[in-house]
Amino acid sequence: MSRKPQLILSSLDVDRLEALLEAMPASAFPGKADLEAEIARADIVEPTDIPPDVVTMNSTVNFDIAESGKQFQLTLVYPKDLDDTSSKISVFAPVGSALLGLSIGNELAWPSVGGKTMTVRVTGISYQPERAGDLHR
C-alpha cells in the first residue's frame, strides 16, 4: 500500500499524547518518531466533530492483521490504563499506534518488531467515546 489513509484525531487525544511523548525518551518507546509523524500529518478536530467511524483513544476496535489473518477486538488505551486483561492495547504498542485515527475500512502498513511491517485494517468500532457522548474521558 503506497498511499497512507487520512487520519483524524481529536484535539483532546493529541494534547494528551503530545504531553506523554514529550516526557518520554525515544529509547523508552522505539515507535516514538513514527507516532509523532502520524500525529503531525493528521487532521485534528474537536472531540464533538470526530466522525463516528474513526478510532480514538479508549475506542473498542475490531481489526485484523493482514499478514497473519488474525482478527482482534481491543480497546485502545494510554499506557497507564493497561491492566492484566487481554482486552486492551496501549497506543504505544505498534498495533495501537497504527490504529489511532484510522476509519473503518482503512488499513495502514506500520513498522513492527524486527524491522518487519504489518498491515492493520479496521473492520469495526463497537465503542467510541465521542459517539457515546463521553467527550472528557
N, C-alpha and C. Protein backbone atom coordinates (compact mmCIF):
# COMPACT_ATOMS: atom_id res chain seq x y z
N MET A 1 0.85 -1.16 0.00
CA MET A 1 0.00 0.00 0.00
C MET A 1 0.89 1.23 0.00
N SER A 2 0.79 2.05 -1.03
CA SER A 2 1.72 3.15 -1.15
C SER A 2 1.19 4.43 -0.54
N ARG A 3 -0.10 4.64 -0.55
CA ARG A 3 -0.66 5.88 -0.04
C ARG A 3 -1.24 5.66 1.34
N LYS A 4 -0.88 6.54 2.27
CA LYS A 4 -1.40 6.41 3.63
C LYS A 4 -2.81 6.98 3.70
N PRO A 5 -3.68 6.34 4.47
CA PRO A 5 -5.05 6.84 4.60
C PRO A 5 -5.09 8.11 5.44
N GLN A 6 -6.17 8.86 5.27
CA GLN A 6 -6.39 10.04 6.08
C GLN A 6 -6.51 9.63 7.54
N LEU A 7 -5.93 10.43 8.42
CA LEU A 7 -6.09 10.23 9.86
C LEU A 7 -6.85 11.40 10.43
N ILE A 8 -7.76 11.12 11.36
CA ILE A 8 -8.49 12.16 12.06
C ILE A 8 -8.29 11.92 13.55
N LEU A 9 -7.82 12.94 14.25
CA LEU A 9 -7.58 12.82 15.69
C LEU A 9 -8.32 13.92 16.43
N SER A 10 -8.74 13.60 17.65
CA SER A 10 -9.38 14.62 18.47
C SER A 10 -8.31 15.48 19.13
N SER A 11 -8.61 16.75 19.29
CA SER A 11 -7.65 17.67 19.91
C SER A 11 -7.33 17.23 21.34
N LEU A 12 -8.28 16.64 22.03
CA LEU A 12 -8.05 16.15 23.39
C LEU A 12 -7.04 15.01 23.38
N ASP A 13 -7.20 14.06 22.48
CA ASP A 13 -6.24 12.96 22.37
C ASP A 13 -4.85 13.47 22.01
N VAL A 14 -4.77 14.41 21.07
CA VAL A 14 -3.48 14.95 20.65
C VAL A 14 -2.79 15.66 21.80
N ASP A 15 -3.52 16.48 22.55
CA ASP A 15 -2.92 17.18 23.70
C ASP A 15 -2.33 16.18 24.69
N ARG A 16 -3.08 15.15 25.00
CA ARG A 16 -2.60 14.15 25.97
C ARG A 16 -1.42 13.35 25.43
N LEU A 17 -1.50 12.95 24.18
CA LEU A 17 -0.41 12.17 23.59
C LEU A 17 0.87 13.00 23.46
N GLU A 18 0.75 14.24 23.04
CA GLU A 18 1.94 15.08 22.91
C GLU A 18 2.62 15.29 24.26
N ALA A 19 1.83 15.45 25.33
CA ALA A 19 2.42 15.59 26.67
C ALA A 19 3.17 14.32 27.07
N LEU A 20 2.58 13.16 26.80
CA LEU A 20 3.24 11.89 27.11
C LEU A 20 4.52 11.71 26.28
N LEU A 21 4.44 12.00 25.00
CA LEU A 21 5.59 11.82 24.12
C LEU A 21 6.73 12.77 24.47
N GLU A 22 6.39 13.99 24.84
CA GLU A 22 7.41 14.97 25.21
C GLU A 22 8.20 14.53 26.43
N ALA A 23 7.52 13.88 27.36
CA ALA A 23 8.16 13.46 28.61
C ALA A 23 8.92 12.14 28.47
N MET A 24 8.78 11.48 27.33
CA MET A 24 9.34 10.14 27.17
C MET A 24 10.58 10.15 26.28
N PRO A 25 11.69 9.57 26.75
CA PRO A 25 12.86 9.46 25.88
C PRO A 25 12.59 8.46 24.75
N ALA A 26 13.18 8.72 23.60
CA ALA A 26 12.99 7.84 22.44
C ALA A 26 13.41 6.41 22.75
N SER A 27 14.39 6.25 23.63
CA SER A 27 14.86 4.90 23.97
C SER A 27 13.80 4.09 24.71
N ALA A 28 12.84 4.78 25.36
CA ALA A 28 11.79 4.08 26.09
C ALA A 28 10.63 3.66 25.18
N PHE A 29 10.56 4.25 24.00
CA PHE A 29 9.46 3.96 23.07
C PHE A 29 10.02 4.01 21.65
N PRO A 30 10.43 2.85 21.12
CA PRO A 30 11.05 2.82 19.79
C PRO A 30 10.18 3.40 18.67
N GLY A 31 8.87 3.38 18.82
CA GLY A 31 7.98 3.90 17.79
C GLY A 31 7.63 5.36 17.94
N LYS A 32 8.34 6.05 18.82
CA LYS A 32 8.03 7.46 19.12
C LYS A 32 8.02 8.33 17.87
N ALA A 33 9.07 8.27 17.06
CA ALA A 33 9.15 9.12 15.87
C ALA A 33 8.04 8.80 14.87
N ASP A 34 7.70 7.52 14.72
CA ASP A 34 6.62 7.14 13.81
C ASP A 34 5.28 7.70 14.28
N LEU A 35 5.00 7.59 15.58
CA LEU A 35 3.73 8.11 16.11
C LEU A 35 3.70 9.63 15.99
N GLU A 36 4.81 10.30 16.29
CA GLU A 36 4.85 11.76 16.15
C GLU A 36 4.59 12.18 14.70
N ALA A 37 5.13 11.43 13.74
CA ALA A 37 4.92 11.75 12.33
C ALA A 37 3.45 11.57 11.94
N GLU A 38 2.81 10.54 12.47
CA GLU A 38 1.39 10.32 12.18
C GLU A 38 0.53 11.43 12.78
N ILE A 39 0.85 11.85 14.00
CA ILE A 39 0.11 12.95 14.63
C ILE A 39 0.29 14.22 13.79
N ALA A 40 1.50 14.47 13.31
CA ALA A 40 1.78 15.67 12.53
C ALA A 40 1.01 15.71 11.21
N ARG A 41 0.72 14.56 10.60
CA ARG A 41 0.02 14.55 9.31
C ARG A 41 -1.50 14.45 9.46
N ALA A 42 -1.98 14.26 10.68
CA ALA A 42 -3.41 14.05 10.90
C ALA A 42 -4.21 15.35 10.84
N ASP A 43 -5.49 15.19 10.50
CA ASP A 43 -6.45 16.28 10.64
C ASP A 43 -6.90 16.27 12.10
N ILE A 44 -6.74 17.39 12.78
CA ILE A 44 -7.10 17.46 14.20
C ILE A 44 -8.38 18.26 14.34
N VAL A 45 -9.37 17.65 14.99
CA VAL A 45 -10.67 18.29 15.16
C VAL A 45 -11.09 18.22 16.63
N GLU A 46 -12.08 19.01 16.97
CA GLU A 46 -12.61 18.97 18.33
C GLU A 46 -13.30 17.62 18.56
N PRO A 47 -13.32 17.15 19.81
CA PRO A 47 -13.96 15.85 20.09
C PRO A 47 -15.40 15.76 19.58
N THR A 48 -16.13 16.86 19.63
CA THR A 48 -17.52 16.83 19.17
C THR A 48 -17.63 16.68 17.65
N ASP A 49 -16.53 16.92 16.94
CA ASP A 49 -16.54 16.84 15.48
C ASP A 49 -15.92 15.55 14.92
N ILE A 50 -15.57 14.62 15.80
CA ILE A 50 -14.99 13.35 15.35
C ILE A 50 -16.07 12.51 14.67
N PRO A 51 -15.83 12.04 13.45
CA PRO A 51 -16.80 11.15 12.81
C PRO A 51 -16.96 9.85 13.61
N PRO A 52 -18.13 9.22 13.57
CA PRO A 52 -18.38 8.03 14.39
C PRO A 52 -17.61 6.78 13.95
N ASP A 53 -16.97 6.82 12.78
CA ASP A 53 -16.26 5.64 12.29
C ASP A 53 -14.74 5.75 12.43
N VAL A 54 -14.26 6.66 13.30
CA VAL A 54 -12.83 6.90 13.48
C VAL A 54 -12.37 6.34 14.83
N VAL A 55 -11.20 5.70 14.84
CA VAL A 55 -10.62 5.15 16.07
C VAL A 55 -10.00 6.29 16.88
N THR A 56 -10.50 6.47 18.10
CA THR A 56 -9.96 7.45 19.03
C THR A 56 -9.47 6.72 20.27
N MET A 57 -8.80 7.44 21.15
CA MET A 57 -8.37 6.82 22.40
C MET A 57 -9.59 6.32 23.16
N ASN A 58 -9.46 5.17 23.76
CA ASN A 58 -10.50 4.48 24.53
C ASN A 58 -11.62 3.89 23.68
N SER A 59 -11.41 3.86 22.36
CA SER A 59 -12.35 3.17 21.48
C SER A 59 -12.11 1.66 21.56
N THR A 60 -13.18 0.89 21.43
CA THR A 60 -13.07 -0.56 21.31
C THR A 60 -13.17 -0.88 19.82
N VAL A 61 -12.08 -1.45 19.29
CA VAL A 61 -11.89 -1.55 17.85
C VAL A 61 -11.82 -3.01 17.41
N ASN A 62 -12.48 -3.31 16.31
CA ASN A 62 -12.33 -4.61 15.64
C ASN A 62 -11.36 -4.38 14.49
N PHE A 63 -10.33 -5.23 14.40
CA PHE A 63 -9.34 -5.06 13.35
C PHE A 63 -8.68 -6.39 13.05
N ASP A 64 -7.99 -6.42 11.92
CA ASP A 64 -7.20 -7.61 11.60
C ASP A 64 -5.81 -7.20 11.15
N ILE A 65 -4.92 -8.17 11.20
CA ILE A 65 -3.54 -8.01 10.74
C ILE A 65 -3.45 -8.81 9.44
N ALA A 66 -3.21 -8.13 8.33
CA ALA A 66 -3.24 -8.79 7.02
C ALA A 66 -2.26 -9.94 6.92
N GLU A 67 -1.06 -9.76 7.44
CA GLU A 67 -0.02 -10.77 7.28
C GLU A 67 -0.35 -12.09 7.98
N SER A 68 -1.07 -12.03 9.09
CA SER A 68 -1.40 -13.25 9.83
C SER A 68 -2.85 -13.69 9.62
N GLY A 69 -3.70 -12.76 9.19
CA GLY A 69 -5.11 -13.06 9.05
C GLY A 69 -5.86 -13.08 10.37
N LYS A 70 -5.16 -12.80 11.47
CA LYS A 70 -5.81 -12.83 12.79
C LYS A 70 -6.70 -11.61 12.98
N GLN A 71 -7.84 -11.84 13.67
CA GLN A 71 -8.79 -10.78 13.97
C GLN A 71 -8.79 -10.52 15.46
N PHE A 72 -9.01 -9.26 15.82
CA PHE A 72 -8.97 -8.85 17.22
C PHE A 72 -10.08 -7.87 17.53
N GLN A 73 -10.43 -7.79 18.82
CA GLN A 73 -11.27 -6.71 19.33
C GLN A 73 -10.59 -6.24 20.61
N LEU A 74 -10.05 -5.03 20.58
CA LEU A 74 -9.31 -4.48 21.72
C LEU A 74 -9.67 -3.02 21.93
N THR A 75 -9.49 -2.55 23.16
CA THR A 75 -9.70 -1.15 23.49
C THR A 75 -8.36 -0.43 23.49
N LEU A 76 -8.27 0.66 22.73
CA LEU A 76 -7.04 1.44 22.60
C LEU A 76 -6.92 2.37 23.80
N VAL A 77 -5.85 2.20 24.60
CA VAL A 77 -5.72 2.95 25.85
C VAL A 77 -4.34 3.61 25.97
N TYR A 78 -4.27 4.54 26.92
CA TYR A 78 -2.99 5.13 27.31
C TYR A 78 -2.25 4.08 28.14
N PRO A 79 -0.92 4.13 28.17
CA PRO A 79 -0.16 3.12 28.93
C PRO A 79 -0.61 2.97 30.38
N LYS A 80 -0.98 4.06 31.03
CA LYS A 80 -1.39 4.00 32.44
C LYS A 80 -2.68 3.21 32.65
N ASP A 81 -3.45 3.03 31.58
CA ASP A 81 -4.74 2.34 31.69
C ASP A 81 -4.68 0.85 31.35
N LEU A 82 -3.49 0.36 31.02
CA LEU A 82 -3.34 -1.08 30.78
C LEU A 82 -3.56 -1.84 32.08
N ASP A 83 -4.12 -3.03 31.98
CA ASP A 83 -4.29 -3.87 33.17
C ASP A 83 -3.96 -5.31 32.79
N ASP A 84 -4.31 -6.23 33.65
CA ASP A 84 -3.95 -7.64 33.42
C ASP A 84 -4.86 -8.35 32.42
N THR A 85 -5.88 -7.67 31.94
CA THR A 85 -6.76 -8.31 30.96
C THR A 85 -6.12 -8.24 29.58
N SER A 86 -6.59 -9.06 28.70
CA SER A 86 -6.06 -9.04 27.33
C SER A 86 -6.98 -8.27 26.39
N SER A 87 -7.85 -7.44 26.97
CA SER A 87 -8.83 -6.72 26.15
C SER A 87 -8.39 -5.31 25.79
N LYS A 88 -7.18 -4.91 26.20
CA LYS A 88 -6.70 -3.56 25.95
C LYS A 88 -5.36 -3.59 25.24
N ILE A 89 -5.10 -2.52 24.49
CA ILE A 89 -3.80 -2.37 23.84
C ILE A 89 -3.35 -0.92 24.00
N SER A 90 -2.08 -0.74 24.33
CA SER A 90 -1.52 0.59 24.50
C SER A 90 -1.33 1.28 23.16
N VAL A 91 -1.56 2.58 23.15
CA VAL A 91 -1.30 3.37 21.96
C VAL A 91 0.19 3.36 21.62
N PHE A 92 1.04 2.98 22.58
CA PHE A 92 2.48 2.91 22.34
C PHE A 92 2.93 1.54 21.82
N ALA A 93 2.02 0.57 21.74
CA ALA A 93 2.32 -0.70 21.07
C ALA A 93 2.25 -0.45 19.56
N PRO A 94 3.03 -1.17 18.75
CA PRO A 94 2.98 -0.91 17.30
C PRO A 94 1.56 -0.96 16.71
N VAL A 95 0.77 -1.94 17.08
CA VAL A 95 -0.60 -2.03 16.56
C VAL A 95 -1.44 -0.86 17.06
N GLY A 96 -1.27 -0.49 18.33
CA GLY A 96 -2.02 0.63 18.89
C GLY A 96 -1.73 1.93 18.17
N SER A 97 -0.45 2.19 17.92
CA SER A 97 -0.07 3.40 17.19
C SER A 97 -0.67 3.40 15.78
N ALA A 98 -0.69 2.23 15.15
CA ALA A 98 -1.22 2.13 13.79
C ALA A 98 -2.73 2.38 13.75
N LEU A 99 -3.46 1.96 14.77
CA LEU A 99 -4.91 2.08 14.78
C LEU A 99 -5.39 3.52 14.96
N LEU A 100 -4.68 4.30 15.74
CA LEU A 100 -5.13 5.64 16.11
C LEU A 100 -5.44 6.51 14.89
N GLY A 101 -6.66 7.01 14.83
CA GLY A 101 -7.06 7.93 13.77
C GLY A 101 -7.57 7.30 12.50
N LEU A 102 -7.46 5.96 12.38
CA LEU A 102 -7.97 5.29 11.18
C LEU A 102 -9.50 5.23 11.22
N SER A 103 -10.11 5.15 10.05
CA SER A 103 -11.55 4.97 9.92
C SER A 103 -11.84 3.52 9.56
N ILE A 104 -13.08 3.10 9.80
CA ILE A 104 -13.50 1.75 9.42
C ILE A 104 -13.23 1.55 7.93
N GLY A 105 -12.60 0.43 7.60
CA GLY A 105 -12.26 0.11 6.21
C GLY A 105 -10.86 0.52 5.81
N ASN A 106 -10.23 1.41 6.59
CA ASN A 106 -8.86 1.84 6.29
C ASN A 106 -7.86 0.81 6.76
N GLU A 107 -6.71 0.79 6.09
CA GLU A 107 -5.60 -0.04 6.54
C GLU A 107 -4.32 0.78 6.45
N LEU A 108 -3.34 0.40 7.25
CA LEU A 108 -2.08 1.13 7.31
C LEU A 108 -0.95 0.16 7.55
N ALA A 109 0.09 0.26 6.74
CA ALA A 109 1.32 -0.52 6.96
C ALA A 109 2.11 0.20 8.04
N TRP A 110 2.57 -0.56 9.04
CA TRP A 110 3.23 0.04 10.20
C TRP A 110 4.45 -0.77 10.58
N PRO A 111 5.55 -0.10 10.99
CA PRO A 111 6.74 -0.84 11.43
C PRO A 111 6.42 -1.75 12.61
N SER A 112 6.98 -2.94 12.57
CA SER A 112 6.73 -3.93 13.61
C SER A 112 8.06 -4.40 14.19
N VAL A 113 7.99 -5.39 15.04
CA VAL A 113 9.16 -5.95 15.69
C VAL A 113 10.12 -6.55 14.65
N GLY A 114 11.40 -6.36 14.86
CA GLY A 114 12.40 -6.97 14.00
C GLY A 114 12.52 -6.36 12.62
N GLY A 115 12.07 -5.11 12.48
CA GLY A 115 12.20 -4.42 11.19
C GLY A 115 11.16 -4.82 10.16
N LYS A 116 10.23 -5.66 10.54
CA LYS A 116 9.17 -6.08 9.62
C LYS A 116 8.07 -5.02 9.59
N THR A 117 7.16 -5.19 8.64
CA THR A 117 6.00 -4.31 8.54
C THR A 117 4.74 -5.15 8.67
N MET A 118 3.74 -4.59 9.35
CA MET A 118 2.45 -5.26 9.44
C MET A 118 1.40 -4.31 8.89
N THR A 119 0.34 -4.88 8.34
CA THR A 119 -0.75 -4.08 7.81
C THR A 119 -1.97 -4.28 8.70
N VAL A 120 -2.40 -3.19 9.32
CA VAL A 120 -3.53 -3.20 10.25
C VAL A 120 -4.74 -2.64 9.52
N ARG A 121 -5.88 -3.37 9.59
CA ARG A 121 -7.11 -2.92 8.93
C ARG A 121 -8.25 -2.86 9.94
N VAL A 122 -8.90 -1.70 10.02
CA VAL A 122 -10.03 -1.51 10.93
C VAL A 122 -11.29 -2.07 10.28
N THR A 123 -11.96 -3.00 10.98
CA THR A 123 -13.17 -3.61 10.44
C THR A 123 -14.44 -3.15 11.17
N GLY A 124 -14.28 -2.53 12.34
CA GLY A 124 -15.44 -2.04 13.07
C GLY A 124 -15.03 -1.33 14.34
N ILE A 125 -15.94 -0.56 14.88
CA ILE A 125 -15.73 0.12 16.17
C ILE A 125 -16.99 -0.13 16.98
N SER A 126 -16.86 -0.93 18.04
CA SER A 126 -18.05 -1.25 18.84
C SER A 126 -18.31 -0.20 19.91
N TYR A 127 -17.30 0.58 20.27
CA TYR A 127 -17.49 1.69 21.21
C TYR A 127 -16.50 2.79 20.86
N GLN A 128 -17.02 4.01 20.74
CA GLN A 128 -16.18 5.19 20.56
C GLN A 128 -16.68 6.23 21.56
N PRO A 129 -15.81 6.74 22.45
CA PRO A 129 -16.26 7.67 23.48
C PRO A 129 -16.99 8.89 22.92
N GLU A 130 -16.49 9.44 21.85
CA GLU A 130 -17.11 10.64 21.28
C GLU A 130 -18.52 10.35 20.80
N ARG A 131 -18.72 9.20 20.16
CA ARG A 131 -20.04 8.80 19.66
C ARG A 131 -21.00 8.58 20.82
N ALA A 132 -20.46 8.10 21.96
CA ALA A 132 -21.28 7.83 23.14
C ALA A 132 -21.52 9.08 23.99
N GLY A 133 -20.88 10.20 23.62
CA GLY A 133 -21.04 11.43 24.39
C GLY A 133 -20.07 11.55 25.55
N ASP A 134 -19.10 10.65 25.64
CA ASP A 134 -18.08 10.69 26.71
C ASP A 134 -16.90 11.53 26.22
N LEU A 135 -17.10 12.84 26.16
CA LEU A 135 -16.13 13.71 25.50
C LEU A 135 -14.94 14.10 26.36
N HIS A 136 -15.01 13.94 27.65
CA HIS A 136 -13.93 14.41 28.52
C HIS A 136 -13.31 13.28 29.32
N ARG A 137 -13.19 12.12 28.72
CA ARG A 137 -12.69 10.93 29.39
C ARG A 137 -11.26 11.06 29.83
